[in-house]
C-alpha atoms as a PDB file:
ATOM      1  CA  MET A   1      -2.550  -0.161   5.772  1.00  0.00           C
ATOM      2  CA  ALA A   2      -1.579  -2.650   8.450  1.00  0.00           C
ATOM      3  CA  SER A   3       1.886  -4.135   8.349  1.00  0.00           C
ATOM      4  CA  LYS A   4       0.403  -7.626   8.001  1.00  0.00           C
ATOM      5  CA  SER A   5      -2.358  -8.752   5.662  1.00  0.00           C
ATOM      6  CA  LEU A   6      -4.814 -11.483   6.481  1.00  0.00           C
ATOM      7  CA  VAL A   7      -5.432 -14.021   3.753  1.00  0.00           C
ATOM      8  CA  LEU A   8      -7.308 -17.253   3.829  1.00  0.00           C
ATOM      9  CA  ILE A   9      -5.432 -20.503   3.470  1.00  0.00           C
ATOM     10  CA  PHE A  10      -7.916 -22.936   2.110  1.00  0.00           C
ATOM     11  CA  ALA A  11      -6.422 -25.749   0.039  1.00  0.00           C
ATOM     12  CA  THR A  12      -6.569 -28.361   2.797  1.00  0.00           C
ATOM     13  CA  ALA A  13      -9.832 -27.074   4.205  1.00  0.00           C
ATOM     14  CA  ILE A  14     -11.547 -27.187   0.835  1.00  0.00           C
ATOM     15  CA  ALA A  15     -10.158 -30.600  -0.043  1.00  0.00           C
ATOM     16  CA  PHE A  16     -11.383 -32.125   3.228  1.00  0.00           C
ATOM     17  CA  GLY A  17     -14.529 -30.047   3.669  1.00  0.00           C
ATOM     18  CA  LEU A  18     -13.174 -28.373   6.798  1.00  0.00           C
ATOM     19  CA  PRO A  19     -13.983 -24.812   7.826  1.00  0.00           C
ATOM     20  CA  VAL A  20     -11.695 -22.257   6.237  1.00  0.00           C
ATOM     21  CA  ARG A  21      -9.362 -20.563   8.735  1.00  0.00           C
ATOM     22  CA  ALA A  22      -7.640 -17.217   8.463  1.00  0.00           C
ATOM     23  CA  GLN A  23      -3.847 -17.307   8.634  1.00  0.00           C
ATOM     24  CA  GLU A  24      -1.425 -14.422   8.891  1.00  0.00           C
ATOM     25  CA  VAL A  25       0.900 -14.015   5.975  1.00  0.00           C
ATOM     26  CA  ALA A  26       3.771 -11.554   6.087  1.00  0.00           C
ATOM     27  CA  PRO A  27       3.461  -9.156   3.148  1.00  0.00           C
ATOM     28  CA  ASN A  28       6.458  -8.842   0.886  1.00  0.00           C
ATOM     29  CA  ALA A  29       7.211  -6.399  -1.872  1.00  0.00           C
ATOM     30  CA  TRP A  30       7.019  -7.674  -5.421  1.00  0.00           C
ATOM     31  CA  ARG A  31      10.404  -8.862  -6.677  1.00  0.00           C
ATOM     32  CA  VAL A  32      12.028  -9.575 -10.032  1.00  0.00           C
ATOM     33  CA  GLU A  33      13.086 -13.096 -11.017  1.00  0.00           C
ATOM     34  CA  CYS A  34      14.995 -13.883 -14.196  1.00  0.00           C
ATOM     35  CA  SER A  35      16.049 -17.082 -15.912  1.00  0.00           C
ATOM     36  CA  GLY A  36      17.849 -17.745 -19.138  1.00  0.00           C
ATOM     37  CA  ASP A  37      19.194 -20.363 -21.473  1.00  0.00           C
ATOM     38  CA  GLY A  38      22.474 -18.633 -22.286  1.00  0.00           C
ATOM     39  CA  LYS A  39      20.999 -16.901 -25.323  1.00  0.00           C
ATOM     40  CA  THR A  40      17.980 -15.093 -23.942  1.00  0.00           C
ATOM     41  CA  ILE A  41      16.847 -13.936 -20.535  1.00  0.00           C
ATOM     42  CA  ASP A  42      13.253 -14.030 -19.303  1.00  0.00           C
ATOM     43  CA  CYS A  43      12.278 -11.796 -16.376  1.00  0.00           C
ATOM     44  CA  ARG A  44       9.038 -11.454 -14.445  1.00  0.00           C
ATOM     45  CA  ALA A  45       7.656  -9.579 -11.439  1.00  0.00           C
ATOM     46  CA  VAL A  46       6.691 -12.089  -8.741  1.00  0.00           C
ATOM     47  CA  GLN A  47       4.601 -12.032  -5.582  1.00  0.00           C
ATOM     48  CA  GLN A  48       4.111 -15.111  -3.418  1.00  0.00           C
ATOM     49  CA  LEU A  49       2.055 -15.454  -0.276  1.00  0.00           C
ATOM     50  CA  VAL A  50       2.938 -18.378   1.943  1.00  0.00           C
ATOM     51  CA  ALA A  51       1.107 -19.368   5.124  1.00  0.00           C
ATOM     52  CA  GLN A  52       3.442 -18.830   8.075  1.00  0.00           C
ATOM     53  CA  GLU A  53       1.961 -21.724  10.012  1.00  0.00           C
ATOM     54  CA  ASN A  54       2.667 -24.514   7.513  1.00  0.00           C
ATOM     55  CA  LYS A  55       4.720 -22.816   4.766  1.00  0.00           C
ATOM     56  CA  GLN A  56       2.162 -23.778   2.107  1.00  0.00           C
ATOM     57  CA  LEU A  57       1.779 -21.576  -0.947  1.00  0.00           C
ATOM     58  CA  VAL A  58      -1.459 -19.584  -0.798  1.00  0.00           C
ATOM     59  CA  ILE A  59      -1.025 -17.786  -4.123  1.00  0.00           C
ATOM     60  CA  GLN A  60       1.706 -16.930  -6.587  1.00  0.00           C
ATOM     61  CA  LEU A  61       1.386 -14.143  -9.138  1.00  0.00           C
ATOM     62  CA  THR A  62       3.752 -13.415 -12.014  1.00  0.00           C
ATOM     63  CA  ALA A  63       3.572 -10.383 -14.292  1.00  0.00           C
ATOM     64  CA  ARG A  64       5.617 -10.391 -17.483  1.00  0.00           C
ATOM     65  CA  LEU A  65       5.576  -9.716 -21.184  1.00  0.00           C
ATOM     66  CA  GLY A  66       4.158 -12.591 -23.195  1.00  0.00           C
ATOM     67  CA  PRO A  67       5.559 -13.861 -26.503  1.00  0.00           C
ATOM     68  CA  ASP A  68       3.646 -11.118 -28.329  1.00  0.00           C
ATOM     69  CA  LYS A  69       5.203  -8.486 -25.963  1.00  0.00           C
ATOM     70  CA  ALA A  70       1.801  -7.836 -24.331  1.00  0.00           C
ATOM     71  CA  PRO A  71       1.683  -7.825 -20.479  1.00  0.00           C
ATOM     72  CA  VAL A  72       0.331 -11.012 -18.901  1.00  0.00           C
ATOM     73  CA  LEU A  73      -0.562 -11.861 -15.300  1.00  0.00           C
ATOM     74  CA  GLY A  74      -0.235 -15.494 -14.249  1.00  0.00           C
ATOM     75  CA  LEU A  75      -1.831 -16.873 -11.085  1.00  0.00           C
ATOM     76  CA  GLN A  76      -1.186 -20.154  -9.289  1.00  0.00           C
ATOM     77  CA  LEU A  77      -3.859 -21.081  -6.740  1.00  0.00           C
ATOM     78  CA  PRO A  78      -4.276 -24.153  -4.517  1.00  0.00           C
ATOM     79  CA  LEU A  79      -6.193 -27.206  -5.642  1.00  0.00           C
ATOM     80  CA  GLY A  80      -9.746 -27.559  -4.366  1.00  0.00           C
ATOM     81  CA  ILE A  81     -11.266 -24.307  -5.592  1.00  0.00           C
ATOM     82  CA  ASN A  82     -14.613 -24.342  -7.396  1.00  0.00           C
ATOM     83  CA  LEU A  83     -13.717 -24.396 -11.105  1.00  0.00           C
ATOM     84  CA  ALA A  84     -17.274 -23.584 -12.188  1.00  0.00           C
ATOM     85  CA  GLU A  85     -16.927 -20.115 -10.666  1.00  0.00           C
ATOM     86  CA  PRO A  86     -14.607 -17.543 -12.277  1.00  0.00           C
ATOM     87  CA  ILE A  87     -11.722 -16.030 -10.333  1.00  0.00           C
ATOM     88  CA  GLN A  88     -12.426 -12.390  -9.491  1.00  0.00           C
ATOM     89  CA  LEU A  89      -9.765  -9.679  -9.340  1.00  0.00           C
ATOM     90  CA  LYS A  90     -10.246  -6.213  -7.889  1.00  0.00           C
ATOM     91  CA  VAL A  91      -7.716  -3.519  -7.012  1.00  0.00           C
ATOM     92  CA  ASP A  92      -8.672  -1.596  -3.860  1.00  0.00           C
ATOM     93  CA  ALA A  93     -12.294  -0.445  -4.327  1.00  0.00           C
ATOM     94  CA  GLY A  94     -12.116  -0.612  -8.136  1.00  0.00           C
ATOM     95  CA  LYS A  95     -14.119  -2.556 -10.671  1.00  0.00           C
ATOM     96  CA  GLU A  96     -14.176  -6.338 -10.344  1.00  0.00           C
ATOM     97  CA  GLU A  97     -12.984  -8.420 -13.314  1.00  0.00           C
ATOM     98  CA  ARG A  98     -13.716 -12.144 -13.797  1.00  0.00           C
ATOM     99  CA  PHE A  99     -11.492 -14.790 -15.373  1.00  0.00           C
ATOM    100  CA  PRO A 100     -11.862 -18.572 -15.766  1.00  0.00           C
ATOM    101  CA  VAL A 101      -9.297 -21.023 -14.398  1.00  0.00           C
ATOM    102  CA  GLN A 102      -7.542 -22.543 -17.398  1.00  0.00           C
ATOM    103  CA  THR A 103      -6.086 -25.739 -15.947  1.00  0.00           C
ATOM    104  CA  CYS A 104      -5.112 -27.523 -12.760  1.00  0.00           C
ATOM    105  CA  THR A 105      -1.983 -29.611 -12.230  1.00  0.00           C
ATOM    106  CA  THR A 106      -0.468 -31.229  -9.154  1.00  0.00           C
ATOM    107  CA  ALA A 107       1.078 -27.811  -8.400  1.00  0.00           C
ATOM    108  CA  GLY A 108      -2.310 -26.065  -8.270  1.00  0.00           C
ATOM    109  CA  CYS A 109      -4.840 -24.294 -10.455  1.00  0.00           C
ATOM    110  CA  LEU A 110      -3.461 -21.918 -13.057  1.00  0.00           C
ATOM    111  CA  LEU A 111      -4.688 -19.037 -15.123  1.00  0.00           C
ATOM    112  CA  SER A 112      -3.005 -16.513 -17.353  1.00  0.00           C
ATOM    113  CA  ILE A 113      -4.790 -13.280 -18.167  1.00  0.00           C
ATOM    114  CA  PRO A 114      -3.968 -10.318 -20.391  1.00  0.00           C
ATOM    115  CA  LEU A 115      -2.795  -7.475 -18.156  1.00  0.00           C
ATOM    116  CA  LYS A 116      -4.576  -4.659 -19.964  1.00  0.00           C
ATOM    117  CA  ASP A 117      -5.255  -1.117 -18.863  1.00  0.00           C
ATOM    118  CA  PRO A 118      -7.049  -0.195 -16.614  1.00  0.00           C
ATOM    119  CA  LEU A 119      -6.085  -3.307 -14.557  1.00  0.00           C
ATOM    120  CA  LEU A 120      -2.357  -2.738 -15.129  1.00  0.00           C
ATOM    121  CA  ALA A 121      -2.672   0.968 -14.296  1.00  0.00           C
ATOM    122  CA  SER A 122      -4.662   0.260 -11.139  1.00  0.00           C
ATOM    123  CA  MET A 123      -2.107  -2.348 -10.002  1.00  0.00           C
ATOM    124  CA  ARG A 124       0.650   0.254 -10.430  1.00  0.00           C
ATOM    125  CA  THR A 125      -1.145   2.828  -8.266  1.00  0.00           C
ATOM    126  CA  GLY A 126      -3.173   0.600  -5.945  1.00  0.00           C
ATOM    127  CA  THR A 127      -2.262  -0.873  -2.597  1.00  0.00           C
ATOM    128  CA  LEU A 128      -4.157  -4.180  -2.529  1.00  0.00           C
ATOM    129  CA  LEU A 129      -5.212  -6.722  -5.146  1.00  0.00           C
ATOM    130  CA  LYS A 130      -8.177  -8.778  -3.994  1.00  0.00           C
ATOM    131  CA  VAL A 131      -8.264 -12.249  -5.538  1.00  0.00           C
ATOM    132  CA  ILE A 132     -11.614 -13.914  -4.907  1.00  0.00           C
ATOM    133  CA  VAL A 133     -12.106 -17.649  -5.384  1.00  0.00           C
ATOM    134  CA  PHE A 134     -14.967 -19.905  -4.357  1.00  0.00           C
ATOM    135  CA  ASP A 135     -15.055 -23.163  -2.432  1.00  0.00           C
ATOM    136  CA  ALA A 136     -17.191 -26.202  -3.284  1.00  0.00           C
ATOM    137  CA  ASN A 137     -20.180 -24.613  -1.495  1.00  0.00           C
ATOM    138  CA  LYS A 138     -19.793 -21.401  -3.552  1.00  0.00           C
ATOM    139  CA  ARG A 139     -18.545 -19.435  -0.532  1.00  0.00           C
ATOM    140  CA  ALA A 140     -16.286 -16.563  -1.534  1.00  0.00           C
ATOM    141  CA  ILE A 141     -12.701 -16.689  -0.262  1.00  0.00           C
ATOM    142  CA  THR A 142     -10.731 -13.450  -0.588  1.00  0.00           C
ATOM    143  CA  ILE A 143      -6.948 -13.419  -0.808  1.00  0.00           C
ATOM    144  CA  ASP A 144      -5.450  -9.970  -0.215  1.00  0.00           C
ATOM    145  CA  VAL A 145      -2.271  -9.494  -2.256  1.00  0.00           C
ATOM    146  CA  PRO A 146      -0.170  -6.402  -1.409  1.00  0.00           C
ATOM    147  CA  LEU A 147       0.856  -4.370  -4.447  1.00  0.00           C
ATOM    148  CA  LEU A 148       3.887  -2.865  -2.697  1.00  0.00           C
ATOM    149  CA  GLY A 149       6.622  -2.452  -5.332  1.00  0.00           C
ATOM    150  CA  PHE A 150       4.561  -3.873  -8.201  1.00  0.00           C
ATOM    151  CA  GLY A 151       5.174  -0.979 -10.626  1.00  0.00           C
ATOM    152  CA  LEU A 152       8.921  -0.916 -10.020  1.00  0.00           C
ATOM    153  CA  ALA A 153       9.298  -4.711 -10.282  1.00  0.00           C
ATOM    154  CA  PHE A 154       7.164  -4.869 -13.430  1.00  0.00           C
ATOM    155  CA  ASP A 155       9.147  -2.071 -15.081  1.00  0.00           C
ATOM    156  CA  LYS A 156      12.477  -3.751 -14.262  1.00  0.00           C
ATOM    157  CA  ALA A 157      11.233  -7.152 -15.427  1.00  0.00           C
ATOM    158  CA  THR A 158       9.966  -5.858 -18.764  1.00  0.00           C
ATOM    159  CA  LYS A 159      12.960  -3.717 -19.793  1.00  0.00           C
END
């Protein structure tokens, strides 16, 4: 695998109808982030891809245990994606799964999906998560998310 992944930055392009351009994004390993209120602590495995050119968030993923102790994967995507088309997730050359966007805020479009086997297992052993969204013209835009350190970060976050 190359040391750098190419992802498509598309929020501005989609919003203004401009052609989508590829930007280089430095891959980082998944990390653990925790927060607390003094009584409880909440940890999650996090991966963010930021465009080097303009420092805009391309995608943020968080994996954690939900209130029912079941694994959940949250995604934050830029505004301007086609909400009529489901988001597609695929690890390496595995089976593609589809999920609807649940809401959009000023921060971006959000979805939270159950992180069930075999998706969780494939994210632990895979190298690349492909997140596929669509623009207003129903053109597919693929965001390549490195899975480097996902298993370790998820295990530490859910202890």
